[in-house]
Protein backbone atom coordinates (compact mmCIF):
# COMPACT_ATOMS: atom_id res chain seq x y z
CA UNK A 1 -81.49 -88.73 -18.42
CA UNK A 2 -84.15 -86.02 -18.10
CA UNK A 3 -85.71 -84.93 -21.40
CA UNK A 4 -84.74 -81.52 -22.77
CA UNK A 5 -86.53 -79.18 -25.13
CA UNK A 6 -85.80 -78.90 -28.83
CA UNK A 7 -83.99 -75.69 -29.70
CA UNK A 8 -86.08 -72.70 -30.79
CA UNK A 9 -83.16 -71.35 -32.82
CA UNK A 10 -81.37 -72.50 -35.94
CA UNK A 11 -77.69 -73.40 -35.94
CA UNK A 12 -76.98 -70.97 -38.77
CA UNK A 13 -76.64 -67.31 -37.77
CA UNK A 14 -77.02 -64.35 -40.13
CA UNK A 15 -73.58 -62.73 -40.22
CA UNK A 16 -74.54 -59.67 -42.26
CA UNK A 17 -74.80 -56.32 -40.47
CA UNK A 18 -77.43 -53.65 -40.83
CA UNK A 19 -74.99 -51.58 -42.88
CA UNK A 20 -72.12 -53.18 -44.80
CA UNK A 21 -69.99 -52.32 -47.84
CA UNK A 22 -71.80 -49.04 -48.29
CA UNK A 23 -75.16 -50.79 -48.72
CA UNK A 24 -78.17 -50.89 -46.42
CA UNK A 25 -79.30 -54.49 -45.85
CA UNK A 26 -83.01 -53.74 -45.77
CA UNK A 27 -84.62 -57.18 -45.43
CA UNK A 28 -87.92 -58.07 -43.73
CA UNK A 29 -86.33 -58.60 -40.35
CA UNK A 30 -84.62 -55.23 -40.34
CA UNK A 31 -87.76 -53.47 -41.56
CA UNK A 32 -89.56 -54.96 -38.55
CA UNK A 33 -86.62 -53.95 -36.39
CA UNK A 34 -87.02 -50.30 -37.47
CA UNK A 35 -90.81 -50.34 -37.00
CA UNK A 36 -90.54 -51.92 -33.55
CA UNK A 37 -87.87 -49.42 -32.47
CA UNK A 38 -89.81 -46.44 -33.79
CA UNK A 39 -93.04 -47.51 -32.08
CA UNK A 40 -91.24 -48.21 -28.82
CA UNK A 41 -89.66 -44.75 -28.90
CA UNK A 42 -93.02 -43.11 -29.67
CA UNK A 43 -94.65 -45.02 -26.78
CA UNK A 44 -91.95 -43.84 -24.39
CA UNK A 45 -92.41 -40.21 -25.50
CA UNK A 46 -96.21 -40.29 -25.11
CA UNK A 47 -96.00 -42.01 -21.73
CA UNK A 48 -93.32 -39.62 -20.46
CA UNK A 49 -95.52 -36.65 -21.33
CA UNK A 50 -98.27 -38.13 -19.18
CA UNK A 51 -95.86 -39.14 -16.40
CA UNK A 52 -94.21 -35.71 -16.25
CA UNK A 53 -97.64 -34.08 -16.19
CA UNK A 54 -98.51 -35.98 -13.02
CA UNK A 55 -95.08 -35.30 -11.53
CA UNK A 56 -95.44 -31.56 -12.03
CA UNK A 57 -98.96 -31.62 -10.56
CA UNK A 58 -98.37 -34.06 -7.73
CA UNK A 59 -101.23 -32.85 -5.57
CA UNK A 60 -102.51 -36.25 -4.36
CA UNK A 61 -99.46 -38.44 -3.74
CA UNK A 62 -101.46 -41.43 -2.47
CA UNK A 63 -103.32 -41.71 -5.77
CA UNK A 64 -100.72 -40.48 -8.22
CA UNK A 65 -98.01 -42.79 -6.93
CA UNK A 66 -100.14 -45.70 -8.15
CA UNK A 67 -101.08 -43.92 -11.37
CA UNK A 68 -97.43 -43.44 -12.29
CA UNK A 69 -96.81 -47.15 -11.82
CA UNK A 70 -99.72 -47.92 -14.13
CA UNK A 71 -98.54 -45.42 -16.75
CA UNK A 72 -95.21 -47.23 -16.94
CA UNK A 73 -96.90 -50.34 -18.34
CA UNK A 74 -96.97 -49.41 -22.08
CA UNK A 75 -93.33 -48.21 -22.25
CA UNK A 76 -92.13 -51.23 -20.25
CA UNK A 77 -93.93 -53.60 -22.62
CA UNK A 78 -92.81 -51.68 -25.71
CA UNK A 79 -89.12 -51.44 -24.80
CA UNK A 80 -88.83 -55.07 -23.68
CA UNK A 81 -90.72 -56.25 -26.78
CA UNK A 82 -88.31 -54.30 -28.98
CA UNK A 83 -85.35 -56.05 -27.37
CA UNK A 84 -87.09 -59.42 -27.64
CA UNK A 85 -87.52 -58.74 -31.38
CA UNK A 86 -83.98 -57.46 -31.86
CA UNK A 87 -82.40 -60.31 -29.88
CA UNK A 88 -84.90 -62.96 -30.90
CA UNK A 89 -82.68 -65.86 -29.83
CA UNK A 90 -83.27 -64.78 -26.22
CA UNK A 91 -86.99 -64.06 -26.68
CA UNK A 92 -88.13 -66.29 -23.80
CA UNK A 93 -86.07 -64.40 -21.22
CA UNK A 94 -87.47 -61.03 -22.30
CA UNK A 95 -91.08 -62.26 -22.40
CA UNK A 96 -90.83 -63.62 -18.85
CA UNK A 97 -89.49 -60.29 -17.58
CA UNK A 98 -92.16 -58.37 -19.48
CA UNK A 99 -95.14 -60.21 -18.02
CA UNK A 100 -93.83 -59.77 -14.47
CA UNK A 101 -94.73 -56.05 -14.61
CA UNK A 102 -98.39 -56.97 -15.06
CA UNK A 103 -98.46 -57.95 -11.38
CA UNK A 104 -97.21 -54.51 -10.35
CA UNK A 105 -99.84 -52.81 -12.48
CA UNK A 106 -102.81 -54.79 -11.14
CA UNK A 107 -101.70 -54.30 -7.53
CA UNK A 108 -101.21 -50.56 -8.08
CA UNK A 109 -104.72 -50.40 -9.55
CA UNK A 110 -106.24 -51.97 -6.43
CA UNK A 111 -104.44 -49.50 -4.15
CA UNK A 112 -105.62 -46.68 -6.41
CA UNK A 113 -109.25 -47.82 -6.08
CA UNK A 114 -108.86 -47.92 -2.32
CA UNK A 115 -107.70 -44.30 -2.34
CA UNK A 116 -110.61 -43.30 -4.58
CA UNK A 117 -113.08 -44.85 -2.14
CA UNK A 118 -111.45 -43.18 0.86
CA UNK A 119 -111.57 -39.84 -0.95
CA UNK A 120 -115.38 -39.96 -1.15
CA UNK A 121 -115.91 -40.06 2.61
CA UNK A 122 -115.84 -37.14 5.04
CA UNK A 123 -112.45 -36.78 6.65
CA UNK A 124 -111.17 -39.54 4.35
CA UNK A 125 -112.76 -42.02 6.72
CA UNK A 126 -113.41 -45.02 4.52
CA UNK A 127 -115.72 -46.62 7.08
CA UNK A 128 -118.36 -44.04 6.21
CA UNK A 129 -118.23 -45.18 2.59
CA UNK A 130 -119.28 -48.76 3.37
CA UNK A 131 -121.13 -48.57 6.68
CA UNK A 132 -124.45 -48.87 4.83
CA UNK A 133 -123.39 -51.96 2.88
CA UNK A 134 -124.82 -55.23 4.13
CA UNK A 135 -124.55 -58.88 3.21
CA UNK A 136 -124.43 -59.58 -0.53
CA UNK A 137 -123.65 -62.36 -2.99
CA UNK A 138 -120.21 -63.06 -4.38
CA UNK A 139 -119.74 -62.53 -8.14
CA UNK A 140 -119.90 -65.41 -10.61
CA UNK A 141 -118.92 -68.27 -10.33
CA UNK A 142 -119.32 -68.23 -6.52
CA UNK A 143 -122.67 -66.46 -6.51
CA UNK A 144 -124.19 -69.19 -4.32
CA UNK A 145 -122.28 -67.79 -1.34
CA UNK A 146 -122.83 -64.52 0.50
CA UNK A 147 -120.27 -62.26 2.13
CA UNK A 148 -120.43 -59.44 4.65
CA UNK A 149 -118.08 -56.52 3.78
CA UNK A 150 -117.67 -55.41 7.41
CA UNK A 151 -115.96 -58.63 8.48
CA UNK A 152 -112.25 -58.02 9.13
CA UNK A 153 -111.03 -61.13 7.34
CA UNK A 154 -112.96 -60.16 4.21
CA UNK A 155 -111.08 -56.90 3.71
CA UNK A 156 -107.73 -58.56 4.25
CA UNK A 157 -108.73 -61.36 1.88
CA UNK A 158 -109.62 -58.95 -0.92
CA UNK A 159 -106.34 -57.11 -0.53
CA UNK A 160 -104.31 -60.29 -0.35
CA UNK A 161 -106.10 -61.81 -3.36
CA UNK A 162 -104.62 -59.12 -5.59
CA UNK A 163 -101.29 -58.51 -3.90
CA UNK A 164 -100.39 -62.21 -3.95
CA UNK A 165 -99.87 -61.80 -7.69
CA UNK A 166 -96.90 -59.53 -6.94
CA UNK A 167 -95.27 -62.56 -5.33
CA UNK A 168 -96.28 -65.38 -7.66
CA UNK A 169 -95.88 -63.71 -11.07
CA UNK A 170 -92.24 -62.62 -10.56
CA UNK A 171 -91.54 -66.00 -8.92
CA UNK A 172 -92.94 -67.77 -11.99
CA UNK A 173 -90.79 -65.59 -14.25
CA UNK A 174 -87.65 -66.33 -12.23
CA UNK A 175 -88.42 -70.06 -12.25
CA UNK A 176 -89.05 -69.88 -15.99
CA UNK A 177 -85.70 -68.19 -16.61
CA UNK A 178 -83.90 -70.86 -14.58
CA UNK A 179 -85.73 -73.63 -16.45
CA UNK A 180 -84.88 -72.00 -19.77
CA UNK A 181 -81.20 -71.95 -18.83
CA UNK A 182 -81.35 -75.71 -18.21
CA UNK A 183 -83.44 -76.22 -21.36
CA UNK A 184 -86.44 -77.76 -19.58
CA UNK A 185 -89.01 -74.95 -19.97
CA UNK A 186 -90.25 -75.64 -23.52
CA UNK A 187 -92.36 -72.48 -23.84
CA UNK A 188 -92.75 -73.07 -27.58
CA UNK A 189 -93.62 -76.73 -27.19
CA UNK A 190 -94.11 -79.58 -27.01
CA UNK A 191 -96.77 -79.08 -24.34
CA UNK A 192 -95.91 -81.94 -22.02
CA UNK A 193 -96.06 -82.82 -18.33
CA UNK A 194 -92.34 -83.59 -18.57
CA UNK A 195 -91.48 -79.91 -19.06
CA UNK A 196 -91.78 -77.00 -16.66
CA UNK A 197 -93.94 -74.70 -18.80
CA UNK A 198 -97.10 -76.70 -18.05
CA UNK A 199 -96.77 -76.25 -14.31
CA UNK A 200 -95.63 -72.63 -14.41
CA UNK A 201 -98.55 -71.65 -16.64
CA UNK A 202 -100.97 -73.44 -14.30
CA UNK A 203 -99.62 -71.50 -11.31
CA UNK A 204 -99.74 -68.23 -13.23
CA UNK A 205 -103.30 -68.88 -14.44
CA UNK A 206 -104.52 -69.62 -10.92
CA UNK A 207 -102.75 -66.59 -9.46
CA UNK A 208 -104.01 -64.06 -12.00
CA UNK A 209 -107.54 -65.51 -11.82
CA UNK A 210 -107.60 -64.90 -8.07
CA UNK A 211 -106.21 -61.37 -8.56
CA UNK A 212 -108.79 -60.43 -11.19
CA UNK A 213 -111.60 -61.89 -9.09
CA UNK A 214 -110.47 -59.81 -6.13
CA UNK A 215 -110.50 -56.66 -8.25
CA UNK A 216 -113.96 -57.51 -9.58
CA UNK A 217 -115.24 -58.14 -6.07
CA UNK A 218 -113.86 -54.86 -4.74
CA UNK A 219 -115.27 -52.91 -7.68
CA UNK A 220 -118.72 -54.46 -7.20
CA UNK A 221 -118.63 -53.48 -3.53
CA UNK A 222 -117.59 -49.85 -4.08
CA UNK A 223 -118.85 -48.95 -7.55
CA UNK A 224 -121.19 -46.28 -6.13
CA UNK A 225 -118.21 -44.51 -4.54
CA UNK A 226 -116.21 -44.77 -7.79
CA UNK A 227 -118.77 -42.92 -9.93
CA UNK A 228 -117.07 -40.06 -11.76
CA UNK A 229 -113.59 -41.59 -11.51
CA UNK A 230 -113.97 -43.69 -14.68
CA UNK A 231 -112.84 -46.94 -13.04
CA UNK A 232 -113.87 -49.11 -15.98
CA UNK A 233 -111.87 -47.03 -18.46
CA UNK A 234 -108.87 -47.19 -16.15
CA UNK A 235 -109.20 -50.94 -15.69
CA UNK A 236 -109.82 -51.69 -19.37
CA UNK A 237 -106.69 -49.78 -20.38
CA UNK A 238 -104.77 -52.32 -18.29
CA UNK A 239 -106.83 -55.42 -19.03
CA UNK A 240 -106.83 -54.86 -22.80
CA UNK A 241 -103.04 -54.92 -22.82
CA UNK A 242 -103.09 -58.26 -21.01
CA UNK A 243 -105.77 -59.67 -23.32
CA UNK A 244 -104.12 -58.49 -26.55
CA UNK A 245 -100.70 -59.84 -25.63
CA UNK A 246 -102.11 -63.18 -24.45
CA UNK A 247 -104.47 -63.95 -27.31
CA UNK A 248 -102.20 -62.78 -30.12
CA UNK A 249 -99.39 -64.90 -28.68
CA UNK A 250 -101.75 -67.87 -28.75
CA UNK A 251 -102.75 -67.14 -32.38
CA UNK A 252 -99.16 -66.80 -33.60
CA UNK A 253 -98.19 -70.01 -31.79
CA UNK A 254 -101.09 -71.84 -33.42
CA UNK A 255 -99.88 -70.70 -36.85
CA UNK A 256 -96.39 -72.17 -36.34
CA UNK A 257 -95.64 -74.86 -38.91
CA UNK A 258 -98.92 -74.21 -40.71
CA UNK A 259 -98.94 -70.66 -42.03
CA UNK A 260 -95.64 -69.59 -40.51
CA UNK A 261 -92.72 -71.48 -42.06
CA UNK A 262 -89.07 -71.59 -41.04
CA UNK A 263 -86.36 -69.80 -43.04
CA UNK A 264 -82.60 -70.23 -43.23
CA UNK A 265 -81.90 -68.22 -40.08
CA UNK A 266 -85.33 -68.15 -38.38
CA UNK A 267 -87.29 -71.12 -37.07
CA UNK A 268 -91.10 -71.01 -37.13
CA UNK A 269 -91.02 -70.27 -33.38
CA UNK A 270 -88.64 -67.34 -33.98
CA UNK A 271 -90.97 -65.85 -36.58
CA UNK A 272 -94.08 -66.31 -34.41
CA UNK A 273 -92.31 -64.73 -31.44
CA UNK A 274 -91.02 -61.89 -33.60
CA UNK A 275 -94.46 -61.13 -35.00
CA UNK A 276 -95.88 -61.11 -31.48
CA UNK A 277 -93.16 -58.72 -30.26
CA UNK A 278 -93.64 -56.45 -33.28
CA UNK A 279 -97.42 -56.36 -32.74
CA UNK A 280 -96.93 -55.44 -29.07
CA UNK A 281 -94.61 -52.55 -29.99
CA UNK A 282 -97.22 -51.17 -32.39
CA UNK A 283 -100.14 -51.67 -29.97
CA UNK A 284 -98.42 -49.93 -27.09
CA UNK A 285 -98.49 -46.64 -29.01
CA UNK A 286 -102.30 -46.73 -28.91
CA UNK A 287 -102.45 -47.99 -25.33
CA UNK A 288 -100.17 -45.19 -24.14
CA UNK A 289 -102.63 -42.70 -25.67
CA UNK A 290 -105.55 -44.55 -24.04
CA UNK A 291 -103.86 -44.41 -20.65
CA UNK A 292 -103.10 -40.73 -21.06
CA UNK A 293 -106.84 -40.19 -21.46
CA UNK A 294 -107.98 -42.66 -18.77
CA UNK A 295 -105.48 -41.35 -16.18
CA UNK A 296 -105.66 -37.71 -17.15
CA UNK A 297 -103.57 -35.24 -15.22
CA UNK A 298 -106.38 -32.66 -15.45
CA UNK A 299 -108.01 -34.26 -12.39
CA UNK A 300 -105.03 -33.19 -10.30
CA UNK A 301 -104.31 -29.71 -11.58
CA UNK A 302 -105.05 -27.01 -9.04
CA UNK A 303 -105.47 -23.39 -10.09
CA UNK A 304 -102.63 -21.09 -8.99
CA UNK A 305 -100.77 -24.07 -7.52
CA UNK A 306 -97.00 -24.14 -7.85
CA UNK A 307 -95.54 -26.95 -9.91
CA UNK A 308 -94.09 -29.78 -7.87
CA UNK A 309 -90.64 -31.26 -8.27
CA UNK A 310 -90.48 -34.33 -10.51
CA UNK A 311 -87.87 -36.24 -8.50
CA UNK A 312 -89.89 -37.18 -5.43
CA UNK A 313 -92.86 -38.46 -7.47
CA UNK A 314 -90.53 -40.55 -9.63
CA UNK A 315 -88.89 -42.00 -6.53
CA UNK A 316 -92.28 -42.74 -4.97
CA UNK A 317 -93.37 -44.61 -8.08
CA UNK A 318 -90.38 -46.96 -8.10
CA UNK A 319 -90.20 -47.43 -4.33
CA UNK A 320 -92.32 -50.53 -3.77
CA UNK A 321 -92.00 -50.64 -0.02
CA UNK A 322 -95.73 -49.99 0.31
CA UNK A 323 -96.34 -53.28 -1.55
CA UNK A 324 -94.05 -55.08 0.87
CA UNK A 325 -95.75 -53.66 3.94
CA UNK A 326 -99.24 -54.28 2.55
CA UNK A 327 -98.40 -57.92 1.84
CA UNK A 328 -96.68 -58.29 5.20
CA UNK A 329 -99.63 -56.81 7.08
CA UNK A 330 -102.12 -59.16 5.41
CA UNK A 331 -99.88 -62.17 5.97
CA UNK A 332 -99.46 -61.27 9.62
CA UNK A 333 -103.23 -60.98 10.09
CA UNK A 334 -103.90 -64.45 8.66
CA UNK A 335 -100.95 -65.94 10.56
CA UNK A 336 -101.82 -64.52 13.97
CA UNK A 337 -105.62 -64.77 13.86
CA UNK A 338 -105.90 -68.61 13.87
CA UNK A 339 -103.34 -68.80 16.67
CA UNK A 340 -105.26 -66.28 18.75
CA UNK A 341 -102.17 -64.10 19.07
CA UNK A 342 -104.26 -60.95 19.28
CA UNK A 343 -107.47 -61.01 21.28
CA UNK A 344 -108.59 -57.78 19.66
CA UNK A 345 -109.28 -59.60 16.43
CA UNK A 346 -111.96 -61.72 18.00
CA UNK A 347 -113.38 -59.19 20.40
CA UNK A 348 -113.42 -56.06 18.28
CA UNK A 349 -114.77 -55.78 14.76
CA UNK A 350 -112.16 -54.33 12.44
CA UNK A 351 -113.44 -51.85 9.89
CA UNK A 352 -112.49 -50.98 6.32
CA UNK A 353 -110.12 -48.19 7.29
CA UNK A 354 -108.16 -50.44 9.65
CA UNK A 355 -107.86 -53.22 7.11
CA UNK A 356 -106.60 -50.90 4.41
CA UNK A 357 -105.06 -48.25 6.69
CA UNK A 358 -106.91 -45.31 5.18
CA UNK A 359 -109.29 -42.92 6.82
CA UNK A 360 -109.29 -40.43 9.62
CA UNK A 361 -110.41 -42.63 12.52
CA UNK A 362 -108.59 -41.84 15.75
CA UNK A 363 -106.49 -44.57 17.32
CA UNK A 364 -107.03 -45.61 20.90
CA UNK A 365 -104.75 -47.69 23.08
CA UNK A 366 -106.92 -50.72 22.51
CA UNK A 367 -106.45 -50.34 18.75
CA UNK A 368 -102.64 -50.22 18.79
CA UNK A 369 -102.26 -53.94 18.22
CA UNK A 370 -104.44 -53.56 15.14
CA UNK A 371 -102.76 -50.54 13.68
CA UNK A 372 -99.30 -51.97 14.21
CA UNK A 373 -100.14 -54.66 11.69
CA UNK A 374 -102.15 -52.34 9.44
CA UNK A 375 -100.47 -50.62 6.55
CA UNK A 376 -100.24 -47.02 5.45
CA UNK A 377 -100.82 -46.50 1.75
CA UNK A 378 -98.80 -43.28 1.94
CA UNK A 379 -95.59 -44.04 3.85
CA UNK A 380 -93.80 -40.90 2.71
CA UNK A 381 -94.15 -37.60 4.59
CA UNK A 382 -94.98 -34.53 2.56
CA UNK A 383 -94.63 -31.12 4.07
CA UNK A 384 -95.26 -27.60 2.91
CA UNK A 385 -92.56 -25.22 4.20
CA UNK A 386 -95.24 -22.57 4.68
CA UNK A 387 -97.49 -24.87 6.69
CA UNK A 388 -95.91 -27.45 8.90
CA UNK A 389 -99.23 -29.25 9.43
CA UNK A 390 -100.17 -29.62 5.81
CA UNK A 391 -99.81 -32.75 3.69
CA UNK A 392 -99.03 -31.04 0.40
CA UNK A 393 -96.31 -32.33 -1.93
CA UNK A 394 -92.89 -30.81 -1.57
CA UNK A 395 -92.53 -27.74 -3.73
CA UNK A 396 -89.76 -27.15 -6.16
């Protein structure tokens, strides 16, 4: 018989309600419940102010679509952490869902950087932004190898290195939920090769390491073009959330059975998980403020410009078809190139704009096979009723 994990929950269940017999049962758990709920609500309010600001000044859809996705990170973490605290017996399920959104955020950040780089070149032709860049060394720990940015496979590799996390992180979460149902995950221990958590964490660690390395590589390549856009502040507001949630979870887990002791209704794992969820709810208030500053709407306000409708921006931000097409385009390139399915790949050097489908380069007949597998970062048409040729957001 396959080994199963010890239960994280006690058999005894607290039957008292928050309010009973005219008295308020104000114990430690319910105090934390109120704090977590209040912080989650405050995070949602702060984030919605920032989100609505971008929606009402939706002047650069290609960039702001990704910004909105990033701004959702604090409220998503705060709300899910509140539920994982409130329903602590199902903590593992909530934590797996919560971490899956990290993949969306990192991928949106890469696509945002691509738009920033394209915006620095004349005619939004990204090739002009990197045509002067020659061979250079890879970042640590692969600094012994050089790379040439103009190679077609390099651009697709960078994009795929980050976007693969959108596939693997949700897949790991789904696998973790299934394993938890069959009681073979053992997220709280013991850490053993006989349980699924070891293998899922290894896959997740490898996937996020590749994604972060791809982001670092792309930033090192284009940091001159990103001057004035505060890319480090934008990235740190994301990375700090990941670091805080990871390391504090490790600390609380290490304190189980040593400093953190079980009670009648809570195991040591319950208490450690609850403290982690409560800390996340509190931290997200500050991170939502940090993101409001890092992704300020002031960069997109245009004098005497009519306010845009909020519904199309909100729909753009939750429509992830651009992720699907970006991943599909990269996969198709790597699948067809070794088989020699397209002779243009070997006979014609593909540039930055073709790999990322940004820029104003005209398309010739010989390029059609390339552009058919390239991806638009802005798949939604925007039209101004007063100017049929414009690309302005739809007006309310």
